[in-house]
Amino acid sequence: MIDCRDMYESNSFAGPFNESEFAAFKNWLVDCRGEKFRFDEDYVEHLRIHHGGRAKRKYFRTQNGVLHVVGRFLNFADDSHPLAEYNVEATWSQLSDRMGDYLIPFAELFGGDFLCFNHHYYPPSIVVWYHDRSIPEEEPYCEAVTSRFGELLELLTDDE
């Protein structure tokens, strides 16, 4: 796992990672989809240490070279938390008609787009989901970033 101590703005985290919220969401996905959703272990470990922070190293490019800016990594805080609006489950439920069944958002990007896990495969690949190009009940519009969460962290830079 990449050392992320300098990756976040201090005091931007959503508090301790809520393992029970995460487990409930994962179990709900399995129950609804009838399939196993296994999250990338690097992602789960990252959540345990750096839960829902604002990135300082926030720039990355997709495989096609498009530059994006990470605003905040999403969290698994409960509804009473001040950062609950950045909860993975809440975000996904608001956008699921355009994201489809296999994209799970984990970071908010500048302009309303999201970094997502594409759970069509395991390990899930990382994609950018474009909100303005995705239409309800149609295939979501995405662009490939990388194949693993750890690789994404290595792509992040503080330089445009």
C-alpha atoms as a PDB file:
ATOM      1  CA  MET A   1       0.000   0.000   0.000  1.00  0.00           C
ATOM      2  CA  ILE A   2       1.308   3.422  -0.965  1.00  0.00           C
ATOM      3  CA  ASP A   3       2.153   5.854   1.876  1.00  0.00           C
ATOM      4  CA  CYS A   4      -0.643   8.452   1.801  1.00  0.00           C
ATOM      5  CA  ARG A   5       0.272  10.649   4.783  1.00  0.00           C
ATOM      6  CA  ASP A   6       0.910  13.662   2.543  1.00  0.00           C
ATOM      7  CA  MET A   7      -2.020  12.921   0.265  1.00  0.00           C
ATOM      8  CA  TYR A   8      -4.773  14.604   2.299  1.00  0.00           C
ATOM      9  CA  GLU A   9      -5.596  17.968   3.776  1.00  0.00           C
ATOM     10  CA  SER A  10      -5.338  17.739   7.546  1.00  0.00           C
ATOM     11  CA  ASN A  11      -8.636  17.559   9.427  1.00  0.00           C
ATOM     12  CA  SER A  12     -10.568  16.625   6.273  1.00  0.00           C
ATOM     13  CA  PHE A  13     -11.378  13.038   7.214  1.00  0.00           C
ATOM     14  CA  ALA A  14     -14.780  11.590   8.002  1.00  0.00           C
ATOM     15  CA  GLY A  15     -13.566  10.059  11.261  1.00  0.00           C
ATOM     16  CA  PRO A  16     -12.913   6.383  11.861  1.00  0.00           C
ATOM     17  CA  PHE A  17     -13.916   3.981   9.108  1.00  0.00           C
ATOM     18  CA  ASN A  18     -17.307   2.490   9.947  1.00  0.00           C
ATOM     19  CA  GLU A  19     -16.807  -1.219   9.228  1.00  0.00           C
ATOM     20  CA  SER A  20     -20.469  -2.007   9.945  1.00  0.00           C
ATOM     21  CA  GLU A  21     -21.734   0.607   7.422  1.00  0.00           C
ATOM     22  CA  PHE A  22     -19.326  -0.825   4.838  1.00  0.00           C
ATOM     23  CA  ALA A  23     -20.384  -4.423   5.553  1.00  0.00           C
ATOM     24  CA  ALA A  24     -24.080  -3.515   5.392  1.00  0.00           C
ATOM     25  CA  PHE A  25     -23.620  -1.821   2.004  1.00  0.00           C
ATOM     26  CA  LYS A  26     -21.592  -4.731   0.638  1.00  0.00           C
ATOM     27  CA  ASN A  27     -24.182  -7.256   1.883  1.00  0.00           C
ATOM     28  CA  TRP A  28     -26.981  -5.194   0.372  1.00  0.00           C
ATOM     29  CA  LEU A  29     -25.189  -5.219  -2.990  1.00  0.00           C
ATOM     30  CA  VAL A  30     -24.820  -8.992  -2.831  1.00  0.00           C
ATOM     31  CA  ASP A  31     -28.478  -9.457  -1.838  1.00  0.00           C
ATOM     32  CA  CYS A  32     -29.774  -7.161  -4.595  1.00  0.00           C
ATOM     33  CA  ARG A  33     -27.512  -8.332  -7.375  1.00  0.00           C
ATOM     34  CA  GLY A  34     -27.299 -11.992  -6.453  1.00  0.00           C
ATOM     35  CA  GLU A  35     -23.572 -11.837  -7.084  1.00  0.00           C
ATOM     36  CA  LYS A  36     -20.479 -11.391  -5.006  1.00  0.00           C
ATOM     37  CA  PHE A  37     -19.154  -7.871  -4.779  1.00  0.00           C
ATOM     38  CA  ARG A  38     -15.593  -8.046  -3.531  1.00  0.00           C
ATOM     39  CA  PHE A  39     -13.902  -4.743  -2.951  1.00  0.00           C
ATOM     40  CA  ASP A  40     -10.233  -4.258  -3.747  1.00  0.00           C
ATOM     41  CA  GLU A  41      -8.314  -4.953  -0.519  1.00  0.00           C
ATOM     42  CA  ASP A  42      -6.072  -1.928  -1.108  1.00  0.00           C
ATOM     43  CA  TYR A  43      -9.215   0.223  -1.116  1.00  0.00           C
ATOM     44  CA  VAL A  44     -10.526  -1.270   2.124  1.00  0.00           C
ATOM     45  CA  GLU A  45      -7.139  -0.794   3.803  1.00  0.00           C
ATOM     46  CA  HIS A  46      -7.013   2.773   2.509  1.00  0.00           C
ATOM     47  CA  LEU A  47     -10.445   3.447   4.040  1.00  0.00           C
ATOM     48  CA  ARG A  48      -9.274   2.137   7.398  1.00  0.00           C
ATOM     49  CA  ILE A  49      -6.416   4.645   7.465  1.00  0.00           C
ATOM     50  CA  HIS A  50      -7.628   7.581   5.312  1.00  0.00           C
ATOM     51  CA  HIS A  51     -11.418   7.652   5.552  1.00  0.00           C
ATOM     52  CA  GLY A  52     -13.078  10.174   3.242  1.00  0.00           C
ATOM     53  CA  GLY A  53     -10.489  12.932   3.114  1.00  0.00           C
ATOM     54  CA  ARG A  54      -9.837  15.813   0.739  1.00  0.00           C
ATOM     55  CA  ALA A  55      -6.901  14.996  -1.484  1.00  0.00           C
ATOM     56  CA  LYS A  56      -3.859  17.273  -1.781  1.00  0.00           C
ATOM     57  CA  ARG A  57      -2.376  15.108  -4.516  1.00  0.00           C
ATOM     58  CA  LYS A  58      -5.523  15.351  -6.580  1.00  0.00           C
ATOM     59  CA  TYR A  59      -4.613  15.397 -10.269  1.00  0.00           C
ATOM     60  CA  PHE A  60      -4.608  12.343 -12.507  1.00  0.00           C
ATOM     61  CA  ARG A  61      -5.108  11.430 -16.136  1.00  0.00           C
ATOM     62  CA  THR A  62      -7.263   8.717 -17.635  1.00  0.00           C
ATOM     63  CA  GLN A  63      -5.760   6.173 -20.006  1.00  0.00           C
ATOM     64  CA  ASN A  64      -6.800   8.523 -22.838  1.00  0.00           C
ATOM     65  CA  GLY A  65      -4.880  11.408 -21.252  1.00  0.00           C
ATOM     66  CA  VAL A  66      -7.847  13.430 -19.952  1.00  0.00           C
ATOM     67  CA  LEU A  67      -6.923  15.432 -16.822  1.00  0.00           C
ATOM     68  CA  HIS A  68      -9.216  15.197 -13.783  1.00  0.00           C
ATOM     69  CA  VAL A  69      -9.225  16.663 -10.271  1.00  0.00           C
ATOM     70  CA  VAL A  70     -10.273  14.665  -7.194  1.00  0.00           C
ATOM     71  CA  GLY A  71     -12.329  16.752  -4.793  1.00  0.00           C
ATOM     72  CA  ARG A  72     -12.918  14.283  -1.979  1.00  0.00           C
ATOM     73  CA  PHE A  73     -12.831  10.554  -1.407  1.00  0.00           C
ATOM     74  CA  LEU A  74     -16.241   9.253  -0.370  1.00  0.00           C
ATOM     75  CA  ASN A  75     -16.879   7.707   3.033  1.00  0.00           C
ATOM     76  CA  PHE A  76     -18.952   5.203   4.982  1.00  0.00           C
ATOM     77  CA  ALA A  77     -20.069   7.597   7.722  1.00  0.00           C
ATOM     78  CA  ASP A  78     -23.566   7.235   9.139  1.00  0.00           C
ATOM     79  CA  ASP A  79     -26.429   9.644   8.404  1.00  0.00           C
ATOM     80  CA  SER A  80     -25.740  11.830  11.433  1.00  0.00           C
ATOM     81  CA  HIS A  81     -22.160  12.660  10.424  1.00  0.00           C
ATOM     82  CA  PRO A  82     -21.465  16.163   8.997  1.00  0.00           C
ATOM     83  CA  LEU A  83     -19.882  14.562   5.897  1.00  0.00           C
ATOM     84  CA  ALA A  84     -22.760  12.115   5.327  1.00  0.00           C
ATOM     85  CA  GLU A  85     -23.497  13.786   1.971  1.00  0.00           C
ATOM     86  CA  TYR A  86     -20.239  12.199   0.770  1.00  0.00           C
ATOM     87  CA  ASN A  87     -21.299   8.701   1.818  1.00  0.00           C
ATOM     88  CA  VAL A  88     -20.708   6.021  -0.840  1.00  0.00           C
ATOM     89  CA  GLU A  89     -24.154   4.467  -0.460  1.00  0.00           C
ATOM     90  CA  ALA A  90     -25.986   7.817  -0.480  1.00  0.00           C
ATOM     91  CA  THR A  91     -24.072   8.969  -3.544  1.00  0.00           C
ATOM     92  CA  TRP A  92     -24.669   5.724  -5.401  1.00  0.00           C
ATOM     93  CA  SER A  93     -28.388   5.668  -4.557  1.00  0.00           C
ATOM     94  CA  GLN A  94     -28.814   9.186  -5.976  1.00  0.00           C
ATOM     95  CA  LEU A  95     -27.029   8.280  -9.218  1.00  0.00           C
ATOM     96  CA  SER A  96     -27.678   4.560  -9.666  1.00  0.00           C
ATOM     97  CA  ASP A  97     -30.215   5.055 -12.471  1.00  0.00           C
ATOM     98  CA  ARG A  98     -27.359   6.517 -14.558  1.00  0.00           C
ATOM     99  CA  MET A  99     -24.459   4.508 -13.084  1.00  0.00           C
ATOM    100  CA  GLY A 100     -26.015   1.113 -13.581  1.00  0.00           C
ATOM    101  CA  ASP A 101     -25.615  -1.972 -11.440  1.00  0.00           C
ATOM    102  CA  TYR A 102     -21.846  -2.412 -11.453  1.00  0.00           C
ATOM    103  CA  LEU A 103     -20.330   1.026 -10.896  1.00  0.00           C
ATOM    104  CA  ILE A 104     -19.656   1.990  -7.288  1.00  0.00           C
ATOM    105  CA  PRO A 105     -18.439   5.570  -6.725  1.00  0.00           C
ATOM    106  CA  PHE A 106     -15.556   6.188  -4.315  1.00  0.00           C
ATOM    107  CA  ALA A 107     -14.319   9.723  -5.081  1.00  0.00           C
ATOM    108  CA  GLU A 108     -15.985  12.931  -6.199  1.00  0.00           C
ATOM    109  CA  LEU A 109     -14.317  14.698  -9.111  1.00  0.00           C
ATOM    110  CA  PHE A 110     -14.465  18.340 -10.094  1.00  0.00           C
ATOM    111  CA  GLY A 111     -17.592  19.096 -12.113  1.00  0.00           C
ATOM    112  CA  GLY A 112     -19.878  16.366 -10.776  1.00  0.00           C
ATOM    113  CA  ASP A 113     -18.163  13.295 -12.207  1.00  0.00           C
ATOM    114  CA  PHE A 114     -16.962  10.398 -10.043  1.00  0.00           C
ATOM    115  CA  LEU A 115     -14.194   7.864  -9.811  1.00  0.00           C
ATOM    116  CA  CYS A 116     -15.866   4.465  -9.636  1.00  0.00           C
ATOM    117  CA  PHE A 117     -15.052   0.817  -9.282  1.00  0.00           C
ATOM    118  CA  ASN A 118     -16.321  -1.152 -12.254  1.00  0.00           C
ATOM    119  CA  HIS A 119     -17.524  -4.376 -10.662  1.00  0.00           C
ATOM    120  CA  HIS A 120     -18.089  -6.145 -13.976  1.00  0.00           C
ATOM    121  CA  TYR A 121     -14.684  -7.694 -13.175  1.00  0.00           C
ATOM    122  CA  TYR A 122     -12.601  -8.696 -10.170  1.00  0.00           C
ATOM    123  CA  PRO A 123     -10.505  -7.042  -9.204  1.00  0.00           C
ATOM    124  CA  PRO A 124     -12.733  -4.134 -10.141  1.00  0.00           C
ATOM    125  CA  SER A 125     -11.146  -1.673 -12.524  1.00  0.00           C
ATOM    126  CA  ILE A 126     -11.135   2.081 -11.919  1.00  0.00           C
ATOM    127  CA  VAL A 127     -13.115   4.332 -14.270  1.00  0.00           C
ATOM    128  CA  VAL A 128     -14.263   7.925 -14.474  1.00  0.00           C
ATOM    129  CA  TRP A 129     -18.044   8.102 -14.706  1.00  0.00           C
ATOM    130  CA  TYR A 130     -19.304  11.169 -16.585  1.00  0.00           C
ATOM    131  CA  HIS A 131     -22.571  12.457 -15.137  1.00  0.00           C
ATOM    132  CA  ASP A 132     -23.499  14.674 -18.074  1.00  0.00           C
ATOM    133  CA  ARG A 133     -23.020  11.905 -20.643  1.00  0.00           C
ATOM    134  CA  SER A 134     -24.778   9.109 -18.753  1.00  0.00           C
ATOM    135  CA  ILE A 135     -28.467   8.639 -19.438  1.00  0.00           C
ATOM    136  CA  PRO A 136     -30.876   6.763 -17.134  1.00  0.00           C
ATOM    137  CA  GLU A 137     -31.429   3.115 -18.043  1.00  0.00           C
ATOM    138  CA  GLU A 138     -28.636   3.177 -20.642  1.00  0.00           C
ATOM    139  CA  GLU A 139     -25.038   1.989 -20.445  1.00  0.00           C
ATOM    140  CA  PRO A 140     -23.111   4.485 -18.265  1.00  0.00           C
ATOM    141  CA  TYR A 141     -20.529   6.654 -20.015  1.00  0.00           C
ATOM    142  CA  CYS A 142     -17.106   5.905 -18.536  1.00  0.00           C
ATOM    143  CA  GLU A 143     -13.424   6.220 -19.303  1.00  0.00           C
ATOM    144  CA  ALA A 144     -10.761   3.799 -18.072  1.00  0.00           C
ATOM    145  CA  VAL A 145      -8.188   4.977 -15.534  1.00  0.00           C
ATOM    146  CA  THR A 146      -6.385   1.907 -14.207  1.00  0.00           C
ATOM    147  CA  SER A 147      -6.937  -1.695 -13.192  1.00  0.00           C
ATOM    148  CA  ARG A 148      -6.274  -1.418  -9.424  1.00  0.00           C
ATOM    149  CA  PHE A 149      -6.915   1.048  -6.613  1.00  0.00           C
ATOM    150  CA  GLY A 150      -3.252   1.051  -5.554  1.00  0.00           C
ATOM    151  CA  GLU A 151      -2.257   2.050  -9.092  1.00  0.00           C
ATOM    152  CA  LEU A 152      -4.691   4.970  -8.929  1.00  0.00           C
ATOM    153  CA  LEU A 153      -3.021   6.265  -5.762  1.00  0.00           C
ATOM    154  CA  GLU A 154       0.319   6.142  -7.552  1.00  0.00           C
ATOM    155  CA  LEU A 155      -1.131   8.177 -10.445  1.00  0.00           C
ATOM    156  CA  LEU A 156      -2.255  11.027  -8.184  1.00  0.00           C
ATOM    157  CA  THR A 157      -0.036  14.091  -8.239  1.00  0.00           C
ATOM    158  CA  ASP A 158      -0.112  17.643  -6.900  1.00  0.00           C
ATOM    159  CA  ASP A 159       1.003  18.968 -10.272  1.00  0.00           C
ATOM    160  CA  GLU A 160      -1.355  19.517 -13.209  1.00  0.00           C
END
